[in-house]
Amino acid sequence: MSPCPRVPAEQLTQNVLASHRATCQLGAEDLRLRRGDTFTREEVSAYQRQPAAEMWQRCAGRITEAVQHVVEFAKRLRGFMELSQHDQIVLLKAGAMEVVLVRMCRAFDAETRTVFFEGKYAGAELFRALGCHELVGSIFDFAQSLSALRFSESEVAFVSALVLVNASRPWLQEQGKVARLQGHLDIAFRLLLRRTQREGLLARLPPRGRLRALCWQHIQQLGTFLRQHPGVPPAAFPPLYRELFAPDVDTGATR
């Protein structure tokens, strides 16, 4: 197959930002304007009283929606659809949740340590019914650390793209082709940071291992939940969520 064609950095920058803006669930300004809209104590208590299975299903639904937007982001990225279908799937399976976590910093208010969820901003205590306080705390800590970097929308877009297009993922068939696209993105990102005098950001980005650890923690907690609640049918979770995060569960159907 032919290698990914070289794309001028400015064109690639415009494409990455346009792809990001077109596939975010809410714009940056919308999120900022809603920051004063938080759940009341009564509403938080209502979430906390929900059965664990119901809360897991709600969160799985929200995660699935976010992943679907990441898939659309990938499709719009210049060069991604030129990769083999196998490698597109490998990159999305490995990186979609990581991109969701990166994008979460847009919907996180570091001052109040709350995140936008189902229409309002919520603290970690709202998710108590999930029964995985450590995972929720780790995700909030990660969002807070990214918020401290004060990303521009362009920076969130490029970090998302580079998390997704990662030539070090296992099972890639055409690693060189993925590496070339990753290289083009990396060069364009560095040029953007030089132009905005933000080169120091590169040294402050969290290590990729931290994202991988968070995603693995999520899969482990899902497995624990399913073992502790054997009566919850796999079909209670969206098919895409099951495929990405519970591949060992017999769904009884193929997608």
Protein backbone atom coordinates (compact mmCIF):
# COMPACT_ATOMS: atom_id res chain seq x y z
CA MET A 1 0.00 0.00 0.00
CA SER A 2 1.19 3.54 -0.62
CA PRO A 3 2.60 5.55 2.30
CA CYS A 4 0.65 8.39 3.83
CA PRO A 5 1.23 11.43 1.62
CA ARG A 6 3.06 14.38 3.14
CA VAL A 7 0.63 17.13 4.07
CA PRO A 8 1.70 20.75 4.66
CA ALA A 9 1.76 21.38 8.41
CA GLU A 10 -0.65 24.31 8.24
CA GLN A 11 -3.24 22.28 6.32
CA LEU A 12 -2.87 19.44 8.80
CA THR A 13 -3.25 21.83 11.74
CA GLN A 14 -6.47 23.23 10.27
CA ASN A 15 -7.76 19.70 9.64
CA VAL A 16 -6.99 18.50 13.19
CA LEU A 17 -8.69 21.51 14.78
CA ALA A 18 -11.72 21.32 12.45
CA SER A 19 -12.07 17.58 13.14
CA HIS A 20 -11.92 18.24 16.87
CA ARG A 21 -14.46 21.07 16.85
CA ALA A 22 -16.90 19.12 14.66
CA THR A 23 -16.87 16.10 16.98
CA CYS A 24 -16.93 17.61 20.48
CA GLN A 25 -20.23 17.03 22.24
CA LEU A 26 -20.25 20.63 23.49
CA GLY A 27 -18.22 23.69 22.51
CA ALA A 28 -15.70 25.18 24.92
CA GLU A 29 -17.79 28.30 25.45
CA ASP A 30 -20.95 26.27 26.13
CA LEU A 31 -19.11 24.28 28.78
CA ARG A 32 -17.69 27.43 30.36
CA LEU A 33 -21.12 29.08 30.55
CA ARG A 34 -22.62 26.03 32.26
CA ARG A 35 -20.04 25.85 35.05
CA GLY A 36 -22.36 27.47 37.54
CA ASP A 37 -24.98 24.79 36.92
CA THR A 38 -24.24 22.09 39.49
CA PHE A 39 -26.30 19.29 40.99
CA THR A 40 -28.18 20.08 44.20
CA ARG A 41 -27.53 18.05 47.33
CA GLU A 42 -30.86 16.27 46.79
CA GLU A 43 -29.96 15.39 43.20
CA VAL A 44 -26.57 14.04 44.29
CA SER A 45 -28.27 11.91 46.94
CA ALA A 46 -30.64 10.52 44.32
CA TYR A 47 -27.68 9.41 42.17
CA GLN A 48 -25.99 7.89 45.22
CA ARG A 49 -29.10 5.84 46.04
CA GLN A 50 -29.25 4.27 42.60
CA PRO A 51 -28.43 0.55 42.38
CA ALA A 52 -24.84 -0.05 41.25
CA ALA A 53 -26.03 -1.75 38.06
CA GLU A 54 -28.15 1.24 37.05
CA MET A 55 -25.30 3.69 37.66
CA TRP A 56 -22.83 1.54 35.73
CA GLN A 57 -25.27 1.41 32.81
CA ARG A 58 -25.74 5.20 32.88
CA CYS A 59 -22.00 5.82 32.87
CA ALA A 60 -21.47 3.19 30.17
CA GLY A 61 -24.01 5.04 28.04
CA ARG A 62 -22.23 8.36 28.48
CA ILE A 63 -18.83 6.78 27.76
CA THR A 64 -20.22 5.12 24.64
CA GLU A 65 -21.53 8.46 23.36
CA ALA A 66 -18.10 10.02 23.93
CA VAL A 67 -16.36 7.11 22.17
CA GLN A 68 -18.67 7.49 19.16
CA HIS A 69 -17.55 11.13 18.88
CA VAL A 70 -13.91 9.98 19.04
CA VAL A 71 -14.57 7.54 16.19
CA GLU A 72 -16.00 10.39 14.13
CA PHE A 73 -12.96 12.52 15.05
CA ALA A 74 -10.67 9.77 13.76
CA LYS A 75 -12.59 9.45 10.49
CA ARG A 76 -12.16 13.17 9.84
CA LEU A 77 -8.42 13.20 10.57
CA ARG A 78 -6.47 13.55 7.35
CA GLY A 79 -4.64 10.29 6.68
CA PHE A 80 -6.48 8.10 9.18
CA MET A 81 -8.89 6.60 6.65
CA GLU A 82 -5.91 5.80 4.38
CA LEU A 83 -4.65 3.37 7.01
CA SER A 84 -5.74 -0.24 6.64
CA GLN A 85 -9.11 -1.05 8.18
CA HIS A 86 -7.36 -3.47 10.52
CA ASP A 87 -5.03 -0.76 11.82
CA GLN A 88 -7.87 1.76 12.16
CA ILE A 89 -9.67 -0.72 14.41
CA VAL A 90 -6.53 -1.47 16.41
CA LEU A 91 -5.89 2.23 17.02
CA LEU A 92 -9.49 2.95 17.98
CA LYS A 93 -9.80 -0.04 20.31
CA ALA A 94 -6.54 0.88 22.04
CA GLY A 95 -6.93 4.64 22.06
CA ALA A 96 -10.60 5.66 22.08
CA MET A 97 -10.97 5.64 25.87
CA GLU A 98 -7.64 7.44 26.26
CA VAL A 99 -8.91 10.21 23.99
CA VAL A 100 -12.17 10.37 25.98
CA LEU A 101 -10.09 10.96 29.13
CA VAL A 102 -8.02 13.68 27.41
CA ARG A 103 -11.17 15.40 26.15
CA MET A 104 -12.67 15.24 29.64
CA CYS A 105 -10.39 18.10 30.71
CA ARG A 106 -12.53 20.42 28.58
CA ALA A 107 -15.57 19.53 30.69
CA PHE A 108 -13.74 19.72 34.03
CA ASP A 109 -13.84 22.68 36.40
CA ALA A 110 -10.61 22.56 38.39
CA GLU A 111 -11.77 25.23 40.86
CA THR A 112 -14.73 23.17 42.05
CA ARG A 113 -13.31 19.74 41.05
CA THR A 114 -16.47 18.93 39.11
CA VAL A 115 -17.11 17.44 35.67
CA PHE A 116 -19.99 17.94 33.23
CA PHE A 117 -22.28 14.89 33.43
CA GLU A 118 -25.85 14.51 32.21
CA GLY A 119 -26.47 18.24 31.92
CA LYS A 120 -24.77 19.64 35.03
CA TYR A 121 -21.40 19.74 36.79
CA ALA A 122 -20.86 16.96 39.32
CA GLY A 123 -18.26 16.12 41.94
CA ALA A 124 -16.76 12.67 42.50
CA GLU A 125 -19.30 11.94 45.25
CA LEU A 126 -22.11 11.77 42.66
CA PHE A 127 -20.58 8.51 41.34
CA ARG A 128 -20.48 6.76 44.73
CA ALA A 129 -23.00 4.09 43.66
CA LEU A 130 -20.47 2.71 41.16
CA GLY A 131 -18.49 1.28 44.06
CA CYS A 132 -15.09 2.18 42.57
CA HIS A 133 -14.00 5.26 44.49
CA GLU A 134 -10.33 4.80 43.62
CA LEU A 135 -10.99 4.75 39.86
CA VAL A 136 -13.25 7.81 40.02
CA GLY A 137 -10.68 9.66 42.14
CA SER A 138 -7.88 8.76 39.72
CA ILE A 139 -9.90 10.03 36.75
CA PHE A 140 -10.67 13.29 38.56
CA ASP A 141 -6.98 13.66 39.50
CA PHE A 142 -5.99 13.14 35.86
CA ALA A 143 -8.54 15.71 34.64
CA GLN A 144 -7.25 18.18 37.23
CA SER A 145 -3.64 17.68 36.11
CA LEU A 146 -4.62 18.32 32.47
CA SER A 147 -6.68 21.37 33.45
CA ALA A 148 -3.56 22.83 35.07
CA LEU A 149 -1.92 22.88 31.62
CA ARG A 150 -4.61 25.31 30.38
CA PHE A 151 -4.90 23.67 26.97
CA SER A 152 -6.19 25.66 24.03
CA GLU A 153 -8.70 23.87 21.81
CA SER A 154 -5.92 23.35 19.23
CA GLU A 155 -3.73 21.72 21.87
CA VAL A 156 -6.51 19.39 23.05
CA ALA A 157 -7.10 18.48 19.40
CA PHE A 158 -3.45 17.60 18.74
CA VAL A 159 -2.94 15.72 22.01
CA SER A 160 -6.07 13.71 21.16
CA ALA A 161 -4.81 12.99 17.64
CA LEU A 162 -1.40 11.90 18.88
CA VAL A 163 -2.88 9.68 21.58
CA LEU A 164 -4.97 8.01 18.88
CA VAL A 165 -2.34 7.73 16.12
CA ASN A 166 0.27 5.83 18.09
CA ALA A 167 2.61 3.55 16.12
CA SER A 168 3.68 1.70 19.29
CA ARG A 169 0.28 -0.03 19.67
CA PRO A 170 0.51 -3.82 19.53
CA TRP A 171 -0.95 -5.79 16.59
CA LEU A 172 -0.55 -3.09 13.93
CA GLN A 173 -0.04 -4.59 10.45
CA GLU A 174 1.49 -1.50 8.81
CA GLN A 175 3.36 0.12 11.67
CA GLY A 176 5.50 2.22 9.31
CA LYS A 177 2.46 3.85 7.75
CA VAL A 178 1.01 4.69 11.17
CA ALA A 179 4.42 6.03 12.24
CA ARG A 180 4.56 8.36 9.22
CA LEU A 181 1.13 9.80 10.02
CA GLN A 182 2.14 10.16 13.67
CA GLY A 183 5.30 11.96 12.54
CA HIS A 184 3.33 14.43 10.42
CA LEU A 185 1.05 15.16 13.39
CA ASP A 186 3.99 15.57 15.75
CA ILE A 187 5.74 18.05 13.45
CA ALA A 188 2.56 20.10 12.99
CA PHE A 189 1.96 20.14 16.76
CA ARG A 190 5.50 21.31 17.46
CA LEU A 191 5.21 24.07 14.87
CA LEU A 192 1.93 25.18 16.45
CA LEU A 193 3.53 25.31 19.91
CA ARG A 194 6.51 27.24 18.57
CA ARG A 195 4.18 29.77 16.94
CA THR A 196 2.20 30.22 20.16
CA GLN A 197 5.33 30.17 22.35
CA ARG A 198 4.06 27.12 24.22
CA GLU A 199 6.94 24.70 23.54
CA GLY A 200 7.27 24.10 27.27
CA LEU A 201 3.97 22.22 27.17
CA LEU A 202 5.62 19.12 25.70
CA ALA A 203 7.66 18.48 28.84
CA ARG A 204 4.57 18.85 31.03
CA LEU A 205 2.32 16.38 29.23
CA PRO A 206 1.46 13.34 31.37
CA PRO A 207 3.30 10.14 30.47
CA ARG A 208 1.34 7.83 28.19
CA GLY A 209 1.63 5.13 30.80
CA ARG A 210 -0.69 7.11 33.06
CA LEU A 211 -3.48 7.03 30.45
CA ARG A 212 -2.96 3.32 29.84
CA ALA A 213 -3.10 2.65 33.58
CA LEU A 214 -6.38 4.55 33.94
CA CYS A 215 -7.96 2.64 31.05
CA TRP A 216 -6.77 -0.68 32.46
CA GLN A 217 -8.15 0.30 35.88
CA HIS A 218 -11.54 0.94 34.23
CA ILE A 219 -11.54 -2.49 32.57
CA GLN A 220 -10.57 -4.17 35.84
CA GLN A 221 -13.34 -2.39 37.74
CA LEU A 222 -15.87 -3.37 35.07
CA GLY A 223 -14.75 -6.98 35.41
CA THR A 224 -15.11 -6.78 39.19
CA PHE A 225 -18.60 -5.31 38.85
CA LEU A 226 -19.71 -8.04 36.42
CA ARG A 227 -18.40 -10.78 38.72
CA GLN A 228 -20.14 -9.26 41.72
CA HIS A 229 -23.42 -8.82 39.83
CA PRO A 230 -23.83 -12.03 37.77
CA GLY A 231 -27.52 -11.27 37.29
CA VAL A 232 -26.80 -8.19 35.17
CA PRO A 233 -27.26 -9.23 31.52
CA PRO A 234 -24.46 -8.19 29.13
CA ALA A 235 -27.12 -6.65 26.89
CA ALA A 236 -27.67 -4.03 29.60
CA PHE A 237 -24.53 -2.32 28.25
CA PRO A 238 -24.26 -0.73 24.80
CA PRO A 239 -22.72 -3.10 22.21
CA LEU A 240 -19.79 -0.75 21.50
CA TYR A 241 -19.01 -0.50 25.22
CA ARG A 242 -19.04 -4.31 25.56
CA GLU A 243 -16.83 -4.72 22.51
CA LEU A 244 -14.20 -2.28 23.74
CA PHE A 245 -14.15 -2.95 27.44
CA ALA A 246 -15.66 -6.39 28.11
CA PRO A 247 -14.47 -8.51 25.16
CA ASP A 248 -14.51 -11.73 27.19
CA VAL A 249 -18.22 -11.40 27.97
CA ASP A 250 -20.38 -13.67 25.82
CA THR A 251 -22.87 -11.26 24.29
CA GLY A 252 -24.78 -13.94 22.44
CA ALA A 253 -24.61 -11.87 19.25
CA THR A 254 -22.11 -10.41 16.86
CA ARG A 255 -21.93 -6.84 15.79
